[in-house]
Protein backbone atom coordinates (compact mmCIF):
# COMPACT_ATOMS: atom_id res chain seq x y z
CA MET A 1 -17.74 -9.08 3.56
CA LEU A 2 -18.45 -8.49 -0.14
CA LYS A 3 -17.79 -4.76 -0.32
CA GLY A 4 -14.96 -4.14 -2.76
CA LYS A 5 -14.54 -7.83 -3.60
CA HIS A 6 -13.95 -9.02 -7.16
CA ILE A 7 -16.27 -11.87 -8.09
CA ILE A 8 -16.40 -13.81 -11.33
CA LEU A 9 -19.89 -15.18 -11.93
CA GLY A 10 -19.83 -18.17 -14.25
CA ILE A 11 -23.12 -19.12 -15.94
CA THR A 12 -23.65 -22.44 -17.70
CA GLY A 13 -26.45 -23.78 -19.89
CA SER A 14 -29.24 -24.48 -17.42
CA ILE A 15 -32.82 -23.23 -17.11
CA ALA A 16 -31.73 -22.01 -13.66
CA ALA A 17 -29.69 -19.33 -15.42
CA TYR A 18 -32.66 -16.99 -14.99
CA LYS A 19 -31.76 -16.86 -11.29
CA SER A 20 -28.28 -15.62 -12.19
CA ALA A 21 -29.75 -12.20 -12.97
CA VAL A 22 -31.04 -11.88 -9.41
CA LEU A 23 -27.81 -13.32 -8.06
CA CYS A 24 -25.73 -10.78 -9.96
CA ARG A 25 -27.91 -7.93 -8.74
CA LEU A 26 -27.54 -9.06 -5.12
CA LEU A 27 -23.75 -9.33 -5.43
CA VAL A 28 -23.46 -5.86 -6.95
CA GLY A 29 -25.86 -4.49 -4.34
CA ALA A 30 -23.61 -5.90 -1.61
CA GLY A 31 -20.72 -3.83 -2.97
CA ALA A 32 -18.93 -6.48 -5.06
CA GLU A 33 -17.55 -5.88 -8.55
CA VAL A 34 -18.83 -8.65 -10.79
CA LYS A 35 -17.54 -9.93 -14.11
CA VAL A 36 -19.68 -12.53 -15.87
CA VAL A 37 -18.31 -15.45 -17.88
CA MET A 38 -20.89 -17.46 -19.84
CA THR A 39 -20.68 -20.70 -21.78
CA PRO A 40 -21.98 -20.47 -25.35
CA LEU A 41 -25.04 -22.54 -24.39
CA ALA A 42 -25.83 -20.26 -21.44
CA LYS A 43 -26.71 -17.52 -23.95
CA GLN A 44 -29.72 -19.64 -24.96
CA PHE A 45 -31.17 -19.27 -21.47
CA ILE A 46 -30.32 -15.67 -20.53
CA THR A 47 -29.01 -12.88 -22.73
CA PRO A 48 -25.56 -11.32 -22.40
CA LEU A 49 -27.26 -7.91 -22.57
CA THR A 50 -29.19 -8.66 -19.38
CA MET A 51 -26.09 -9.76 -17.50
CA ALA A 52 -23.98 -6.88 -18.85
CA THR A 53 -26.58 -4.40 -17.67
CA LEU A 54 -26.80 -5.91 -14.19
CA SER A 55 -23.05 -6.48 -13.71
CA LYS A 56 -22.06 -3.13 -15.28
CA ASN A 57 -19.27 -5.01 -17.12
CA PRO A 58 -18.99 -6.57 -20.60
CA ILE A 59 -19.87 -10.25 -20.73
CA LEU A 60 -17.14 -12.74 -21.62
CA VAL A 61 -17.99 -15.83 -23.64
CA ASP A 62 -15.23 -16.53 -26.16
CA PHE A 63 -11.46 -16.65 -25.89
CA PHE A 64 -11.19 -13.57 -28.07
CA ASN A 65 -13.36 -10.88 -29.61
CA PRO A 66 -13.97 -11.97 -33.24
CA GLU A 67 -14.46 -8.35 -34.28
CA ASN A 68 -10.96 -7.14 -33.36
CA GLY A 69 -9.05 -10.19 -32.12
CA GLU A 70 -8.78 -8.83 -28.55
CA TRP A 71 -7.91 -11.68 -26.19
CA ASN A 72 -10.05 -12.38 -23.14
CA SER A 73 -7.29 -13.53 -20.80
CA HIS A 74 -8.40 -16.28 -18.43
CA VAL A 75 -5.09 -15.82 -16.59
CA LYS A 76 -5.80 -12.16 -15.80
CA LEU A 77 -9.35 -13.07 -14.77
CA GLY A 78 -8.02 -15.69 -12.38
CA LEU A 79 -5.63 -13.19 -10.81
CA TRP A 80 -8.30 -10.47 -10.61
CA ALA A 81 -10.89 -12.50 -8.73
CA ASP A 82 -11.39 -12.87 -4.99
CA CYS A 83 -13.94 -15.59 -5.66
CA TYR A 84 -15.06 -17.58 -8.69
CA LEU A 85 -18.74 -18.51 -8.40
CA ILE A 86 -20.32 -20.80 -11.00
CA ALA A 87 -24.10 -20.64 -10.69
CA PRO A 88 -25.79 -22.51 -12.17
CA ALA A 89 -23.29 -25.33 -12.61
CA THR A 90 -24.57 -28.11 -14.86
CA ALA A 91 -23.64 -31.77 -14.60
CA ASN A 92 -21.63 -31.35 -17.80
CA THR A 93 -19.57 -28.45 -16.43
CA LEU A 94 -19.01 -30.19 -13.09
CA ALA A 95 -17.70 -33.27 -14.92
CA LYS A 96 -15.33 -31.16 -17.00
CA MET A 97 -14.06 -29.30 -13.94
CA ALA A 98 -13.44 -32.58 -12.11
CA THR A 99 -11.36 -33.96 -14.99
CA GLY A 100 -9.55 -30.78 -16.03
CA VAL A 101 -11.25 -30.28 -19.40
CA ALA A 102 -10.63 -26.76 -20.71
CA ASP A 103 -12.75 -26.32 -23.84
CA ASN A 104 -14.34 -22.95 -23.08
CA LEU A 105 -13.45 -19.68 -21.36
CA LEU A 106 -15.37 -20.55 -18.20
CA LEU A 107 -13.33 -23.71 -17.70
CA THR A 108 -9.93 -22.25 -18.55
CA THR A 109 -10.66 -19.47 -16.07
CA TYR A 110 -11.44 -22.12 -13.43
CA LEU A 111 -8.09 -23.79 -14.06
CA SER A 112 -6.33 -20.41 -13.80
CA ALA A 113 -8.12 -19.18 -10.67
CA ARG A 114 -6.03 -18.74 -7.52
CA CYS A 115 -9.03 -17.64 -5.47
CA PRO A 116 -11.71 -19.67 -3.66
CA VAL A 117 -14.11 -21.37 -6.08
CA ALA A 118 -17.78 -22.13 -5.38
CA VAL A 119 -20.33 -23.96 -7.50
CA ALA A 120 -24.11 -24.07 -7.23
CA PRO A 121 -25.25 -27.25 -9.02
CA ALA A 122 -28.52 -27.21 -10.97
CA MET A 123 -29.96 -30.26 -12.79
CA ASP A 124 -32.75 -32.81 -12.69
CA LEU A 125 -32.96 -35.04 -9.62
CA ASP A 126 -31.79 -38.25 -11.34
CA MET A 127 -28.81 -36.46 -12.88
CA TYR A 128 -27.88 -35.01 -9.49
CA ALA A 129 -28.25 -38.37 -7.73
CA HIS A 130 -26.30 -40.28 -10.40
CA THR A 131 -23.12 -41.95 -9.20
CA ALA A 132 -21.04 -40.12 -11.81
CA THR A 133 -22.27 -36.70 -10.70
CA GLN A 134 -21.75 -37.47 -7.03
CA ARG A 135 -18.26 -38.79 -7.82
CA ASN A 136 -17.45 -35.56 -9.66
CA LEU A 137 -18.74 -33.44 -6.79
CA GLU A 138 -16.60 -35.40 -4.34
CA ARG A 139 -13.54 -34.92 -6.55
CA LEU A 140 -14.20 -31.17 -6.64
CA ARG A 141 -14.53 -31.06 -2.85
CA GLU A 142 -11.16 -32.79 -2.59
CA ASP A 143 -9.77 -30.13 -4.95
CA GLY A 144 -10.99 -27.42 -2.57
CA VAL A 145 -14.11 -26.34 -4.47
CA HIS A 146 -16.95 -25.20 -2.21
CA ILE A 147 -20.25 -26.90 -3.13
CA ILE A 148 -23.41 -24.87 -2.49
CA ALA A 149 -25.90 -27.72 -2.22
CA PRO A 150 -29.02 -27.59 -4.36
CA ALA A 151 -32.43 -27.42 -2.72
CA ALA A 152 -35.39 -29.77 -3.05
CA GLY A 153 -38.37 -28.55 -5.03
CA GLU A 154 -40.17 -28.64 -8.33
CA LEU A 155 -37.79 -29.02 -11.25
CA ALA A 156 -38.10 -28.06 -14.90
CA SER A 157 -38.95 -31.67 -15.78
CA GLY A 158 -42.01 -31.51 -13.55
CA LEU A 159 -40.44 -33.89 -11.05
CA VAL A 160 -39.93 -32.92 -7.43
CA GLY A 161 -36.66 -33.55 -5.61
CA ASN A 162 -33.05 -32.42 -5.12
CA GLY A 163 -31.37 -30.56 -7.97
CA ARG A 164 -32.97 -27.12 -7.83
CA MET A 165 -30.27 -24.43 -7.70
CA ALA A 166 -30.01 -22.76 -4.30
CA GLU A 167 -31.80 -19.43 -4.02
CA PRO A 168 -29.70 -16.36 -4.90
CA GLN A 169 -29.76 -14.92 -1.38
CA ASP A 170 -28.49 -18.22 0.01
CA ILE A 171 -25.69 -18.31 -2.57
CA VAL A 172 -24.63 -14.76 -1.68
CA ALA A 173 -24.51 -15.73 2.01
CA ALA A 174 -22.40 -18.78 1.16
CA VAL A 175 -19.93 -16.67 -0.84
CA ALA A 176 -19.64 -14.16 2.01
CA GLU A 177 -18.95 -17.02 4.43
CA LEU A 178 -16.36 -18.50 2.06
CA LEU A 179 -14.50 -15.19 1.83
CA ALA A 180 -14.66 -14.81 5.59
CA GLU A 181 -12.99 -18.23 5.93
CA LYS A 182 -10.07 -16.91 3.88
CA LYS A 183 -9.31 -14.59 6.80
CA LYS A 184 -8.84 -17.44 9.26
CA PRO A 185 -5.86 -16.86 11.58
CA THR A 186 -3.30 -18.75 9.51
CA LEU A 187 -0.41 -16.70 10.96
CA THR A 188 -1.23 -17.10 14.64
CA GLY A 189 1.98 -17.24 16.67
CA LYS A 190 3.99 -15.32 14.07
CA HIS A 191 5.38 -11.83 14.67
CA PHE A 192 6.11 -9.45 11.80
CA LEU A 193 7.68 -6.03 11.61
CA VAL A 194 6.33 -3.68 8.93
CA THR A 195 7.72 -0.29 7.98
CA ALA A 196 5.50 2.31 6.30
CA GLY A 197 5.28 5.95 5.33
CA ALA A 198 7.83 8.65 4.63
CA THR A 199 10.78 9.64 6.77
CA ILE A 200 11.55 13.30 7.49
CA GLU A 201 15.11 14.63 7.48
CA PRO A 202 15.28 18.05 9.21
CA ILE A 203 17.19 20.96 7.71
CA ASP A 204 16.30 23.42 10.46
CA PRO A 205 13.41 23.70 12.97
CA VAL A 206 11.04 24.60 10.11
CA ARG A 207 12.14 22.77 6.96
CA TYR A 208 12.83 19.15 6.09
CA ILE A 209 13.51 16.74 3.23
CA SER A 210 10.87 14.07 2.62
CA ASN A 211 8.93 12.31 -0.15
CA HIS A 212 5.38 11.65 -1.37
CA SER A 213 4.70 8.37 0.45
CA SER A 214 1.29 8.24 2.16
CA GLY A 215 1.94 4.98 4.02
CA LYS A 216 -1.16 3.34 2.52
CA MET A 217 0.66 0.30 1.13
CA GLY A 218 2.52 -0.49 4.33
CA TYR A 219 -0.57 0.02 6.47
CA ALA A 220 -2.53 -2.32 4.20
CA VAL A 221 0.14 -5.02 4.63
CA ALA A 222 0.14 -4.55 8.41
CA GLU A 223 -3.66 -4.82 8.49
CA GLU A 224 -3.69 -7.96 6.36
CA LEU A 225 -1.05 -9.66 8.52
CA ALA A 226 -3.01 -8.81 11.67
CA GLU A 227 -6.27 -10.11 10.18
CA ARG A 228 -4.56 -13.45 9.59
CA GLY A 229 -3.59 -13.69 13.22
CA ALA A 230 -0.03 -12.37 13.25
CA GLN A 231 1.39 -10.07 15.89
CA VAL A 232 2.39 -6.94 13.96
CA THR A 233 4.72 -4.11 14.91
CA LEU A 234 4.28 -1.19 12.53
CA ILE A 235 7.21 1.24 12.39
CA SER A 236 5.57 4.30 10.88
CA GLY A 237 6.92 7.49 9.41
CA ARG A 238 4.68 10.53 9.29
CA THR A 239 1.21 9.74 7.90
CA ALA A 240 -2.41 10.77 8.35
CA LEU A 241 -3.58 7.14 8.50
CA THR A 242 -5.19 5.52 11.53
CA THR A 243 -3.55 2.50 13.14
CA PRO A 244 -5.00 -0.82 11.87
CA LYS A 245 -6.90 -2.87 14.43
CA GLY A 246 -4.69 -5.17 16.48
CA VAL A 247 -1.42 -3.57 15.31
CA GLU A 248 1.25 -2.10 17.58
CA ARG A 249 2.39 1.20 16.09
CA VAL A 250 5.74 2.86 16.74
CA ASP A 251 6.02 6.40 15.37
CA VAL A 252 9.34 7.69 14.08
CA LEU A 253 10.38 10.68 12.00
CA SER A 254 13.88 10.34 10.58
CA ALA A 255 15.65 7.51 8.79
CA GLU A 256 17.94 7.12 11.79
CA GLU A 257 14.98 6.76 14.16
CA MET A 258 13.46 4.14 11.87
CA TYR A 259 16.81 2.32 11.71
CA GLN A 260 17.05 2.17 15.50
CA ALA A 261 13.42 1.04 15.91
CA CYS A 262 13.81 -1.76 13.33
CA VAL A 263 17.16 -3.05 14.59
CA GLU A 264 15.91 -3.13 18.19
CA ARG A 265 12.83 -5.20 17.32
CA PHE A 266 13.85 -7.40 14.37
CA GLU A 267 15.46 -10.15 16.45
CA GLN A 268 12.11 -10.87 18.17
CA THR A 269 10.19 -11.31 14.91
CA ASP A 270 9.61 -13.98 12.29
CA GLY A 271 10.18 -11.51 9.49
CA ALA A 272 9.79 -7.99 8.18
CA VAL A 273 8.15 -6.17 5.29
CA MET A 274 10.14 -3.07 4.34
CA CYS A 275 7.51 -0.84 2.77
CA ALA A 276 8.56 2.60 4.08
CA ALA A 277 10.00 5.25 1.76
CA VAL A 278 13.19 5.90 3.69
CA ALA A 279 15.46 8.81 2.81
CA ASP A 280 18.77 7.77 1.30
CA TYR A 281 20.41 11.06 2.32
CA THR A 282 20.10 13.44 5.25
CA PRO A 283 21.66 16.88 5.93
CA GLN A 284 25.15 16.67 7.40
CA SER A 285 24.15 19.22 10.00
CA VAL A 286 20.83 20.63 11.23
CA ALA A 287 20.58 24.34 11.91
CA SER A 288 19.39 25.15 15.43
CA GLU A 289 17.53 28.23 14.16
CA LYS A 290 15.48 28.86 11.05
CA ILE A 291 17.74 29.56 8.11
CA LYS A 292 16.93 33.03 6.84
CA LYS A 293 16.71 33.83 3.17
CA GLY A 294 19.82 35.57 1.94
CA GLU A 295 21.30 36.77 -1.32
CA GLY A 296 22.13 34.18 -3.97
CA ASP A 297 21.76 30.39 -3.88
CA MET A 298 22.22 28.00 -0.99
CA ALA A 299 23.69 24.50 -0.98
CA ILE A 300 22.92 21.83 1.62
CA ALA A 301 25.55 19.15 2.20
CA LEU A 302 24.01 15.67 2.50
CA LYS A 303 25.32 12.41 3.90
CA ARG A 304 24.14 8.83 3.40
CA THR A 305 21.65 7.39 5.85
CA ARG A 306 22.13 3.91 7.24
CA ASP A 307 20.59 1.21 5.06
CA ILE A 308 17.87 -0.44 7.17
CA ALA A 309 17.00 -3.22 4.73
CA ALA A 310 20.64 -4.18 4.16
CA GLU A 311 21.24 -4.31 7.91
CA LEU A 312 18.23 -6.57 8.48
CA GLY A 313 19.31 -8.69 5.52
CA GLN A 314 22.64 -9.38 7.25
CA ARG A 315 20.81 -10.31 10.46
CA LYS A 316 18.05 -12.27 8.74
CA GLY A 317 18.87 -15.87 9.59
CA ASN A 318 15.73 -17.95 8.95
CA ARG A 319 13.40 -14.95 9.00
CA ILE A 320 11.32 -13.76 6.05
CA LEU A 321 12.44 -10.42 4.60
CA VAL A 322 10.34 -8.63 1.98
CA GLY A 323 11.47 -5.49 0.18
CA PHE A 324 9.92 -2.87 -2.08
CA ALA A 325 11.37 -1.18 -5.14
CA MET A 326 9.92 1.99 -6.65
CA GLU A 327 11.63 2.54 -9.99
CA THR A 328 11.43 4.92 -12.94
CA GLN A 329 13.86 3.13 -15.29
CA ASN A 330 15.45 -0.32 -15.74
CA GLU A 331 12.84 -1.64 -13.34
CA GLN A 332 13.54 -5.36 -13.62
CA ALA A 333 17.34 -5.10 -13.43
CA ASN A 334 17.27 -2.66 -10.51
CA ALA A 335 14.77 -4.78 -8.58
CA GLU A 336 16.74 -8.00 -9.10
CA ASP A 337 19.94 -6.26 -8.02
CA LYS A 338 18.24 -4.99 -4.87
CA LEU A 339 16.82 -8.45 -4.19
CA ARG A 340 20.32 -9.94 -4.16
CA ARG A 341 22.17 -7.13 -2.39
CA LYS A 342 19.75 -6.88 0.51
CA ASN A 343 19.07 -10.60 0.90
CA PHE A 344 15.31 -10.32 0.40
CA ASP A 345 13.16 -13.42 0.03
CA PHE A 346 11.14 -11.51 -2.55
CA ILE A 347 10.70 -7.94 -3.65
CA VAL A 348 7.62 -5.96 -4.66
CA LEU A 349 8.32 -3.84 -7.73
CA ASN A 350 6.25 -0.95 -9.00
CA SER A 351 6.96 1.81 -11.46
CA LEU A 352 6.01 5.45 -11.44
CA ARG A 353 5.66 5.14 -15.22
CA VAL A 354 2.61 2.86 -14.86
CA GLU A 355 -0.76 4.57 -14.47
CA GLY A 356 -2.45 3.64 -11.19
CA ALA A 357 0.82 2.78 -9.41
CA GLY A 358 2.90 4.70 -6.92
CA PHE A 359 2.48 7.18 -4.10
CA ARG A 360 -0.69 8.53 -2.47
CA GLY A 361 -3.25 6.70 -4.61
CA ASP A 362 -5.49 3.87 -3.45
CA THR A 363 -4.40 1.51 -6.26
CA ASN A 364 -1.15 -0.09 -7.27
CA VAL A 365 0.32 -2.17 -10.10
CA VAL A 366 3.11 -4.41 -8.85
CA SER A 367 5.22 -7.42 -9.69
CA LEU A 368 6.41 -9.95 -7.12
CA ILE A 369 9.97 -11.02 -7.89
CA ASP A 370 12.02 -13.74 -6.23
CA ALA A 371 14.90 -15.98 -7.21
CA THR A 372 12.60 -18.22 -9.27
CA GLY A 373 10.95 -15.56 -11.40
CA ARG A 374 8.39 -12.77 -11.63
CA LYS A 375 4.62 -12.64 -11.09
CA ASP A 376 2.85 -9.57 -12.53
CA LEU A 377 -0.36 -8.43 -10.86
CA PRO A 378 -2.98 -6.29 -12.63
CA LEU A 379 -4.21 -2.91 -11.37
CA MET A 380 -5.89 -3.42 -8.01
CA SER A 381 -6.41 -1.67 -4.71
CA LYS A 382 -3.49 -1.50 -2.31
CA ARG A 383 -5.55 -3.61 0.10
CA GLU A 384 -5.79 -6.33 -2.54
CA VAL A 385 -2.07 -6.05 -3.30
CA ALA A 386 -1.45 -6.58 0.42
CA GLU A 387 -3.42 -9.83 0.27
CA HIS A 388 -1.18 -11.13 -2.53
CA ILE A 389 1.95 -10.10 -0.61
CA VAL A 390 0.80 -11.90 2.53
CA ASP A 391 -0.22 -14.93 0.48
CA LYS A 392 3.37 -15.13 -0.78
CA ILE A 393 4.69 -14.70 2.77
CA GLU A 394 2.55 -17.67 3.82
CA GLU A 395 3.93 -19.71 0.92
CA SER A 396 7.46 -18.81 1.97
CA LEU A 397 6.76 -19.93 5.53
């Protein structure tokens, strides 16, 4: 469950911070990418060099780098993470989290996080049992924070009792379980149509007009919807990808075939995600035999294809309709215009001018735009982008 996941490991000023080194190593060994945020006091218990070496990422402590003024953005950290784990979590940090105090980078990142949050308390037994601490833990539970209960054992004070931070392997198991819970079937009973891949517009029996789409983004969206319990019909142009588990796949080639497949099925769905790269133009006529090379140039007359997204937008009713916009100039204006014209609930914008975005690759850099504004996502895998898209679909529902 942790392979490819982004985990922020928060470390506070507790003697149990020595266990964070083992915890970080286990998370990285399980395939997670780990970024460590430390409170200033945590550096007194374990060095940033140790955690940087184990996490393979620079350690974040302050709001900015005093050497060059570079800002450590808690907002970007919160968007990047699949899980925010604070281990050890002191009584002081738990109290601040419960009351919304934001006086260090670890706490501002907590307030910015949109992912599941888990804490592993560590303190002396009387501090843990104190009414104030238990009240703060209960408040955090009500706020949706997952509490990884401390174990009983010998404490730094020499006393024996509850308050010892859970063992690293138990914390890793708890995080894996928490991330598995995120995949609960929240869309059971819903039916979505997803388009993906490139269409092919034949010129003759040998040649065609197409584009560079691999279908990876649309397939990732279809897979994410299915994992959350939805019935998914995937209308796919040509691609080398395998069908996601639990997804019904309908193969098409041309824009017209995709139009017919979408129109026939849209009425039976709760919404559609229009991710395919559909040709805007197709040859006016298709030669029945291979066109032979002759002298001079050749011109091919093209005609407009039918606009699938616009057609579904007219038929939308109460359904959810999500569009995509791949732009090379005037990105924001073009995306907003497309949002309005095609009656989308929101549109996913990316630009070929941004490194890591676009066709064929495994990553993307997108913005989610609706009538209320724009949310920019950092560089992430297309699978992670799909999670954000489906999260927004759930919000819309």
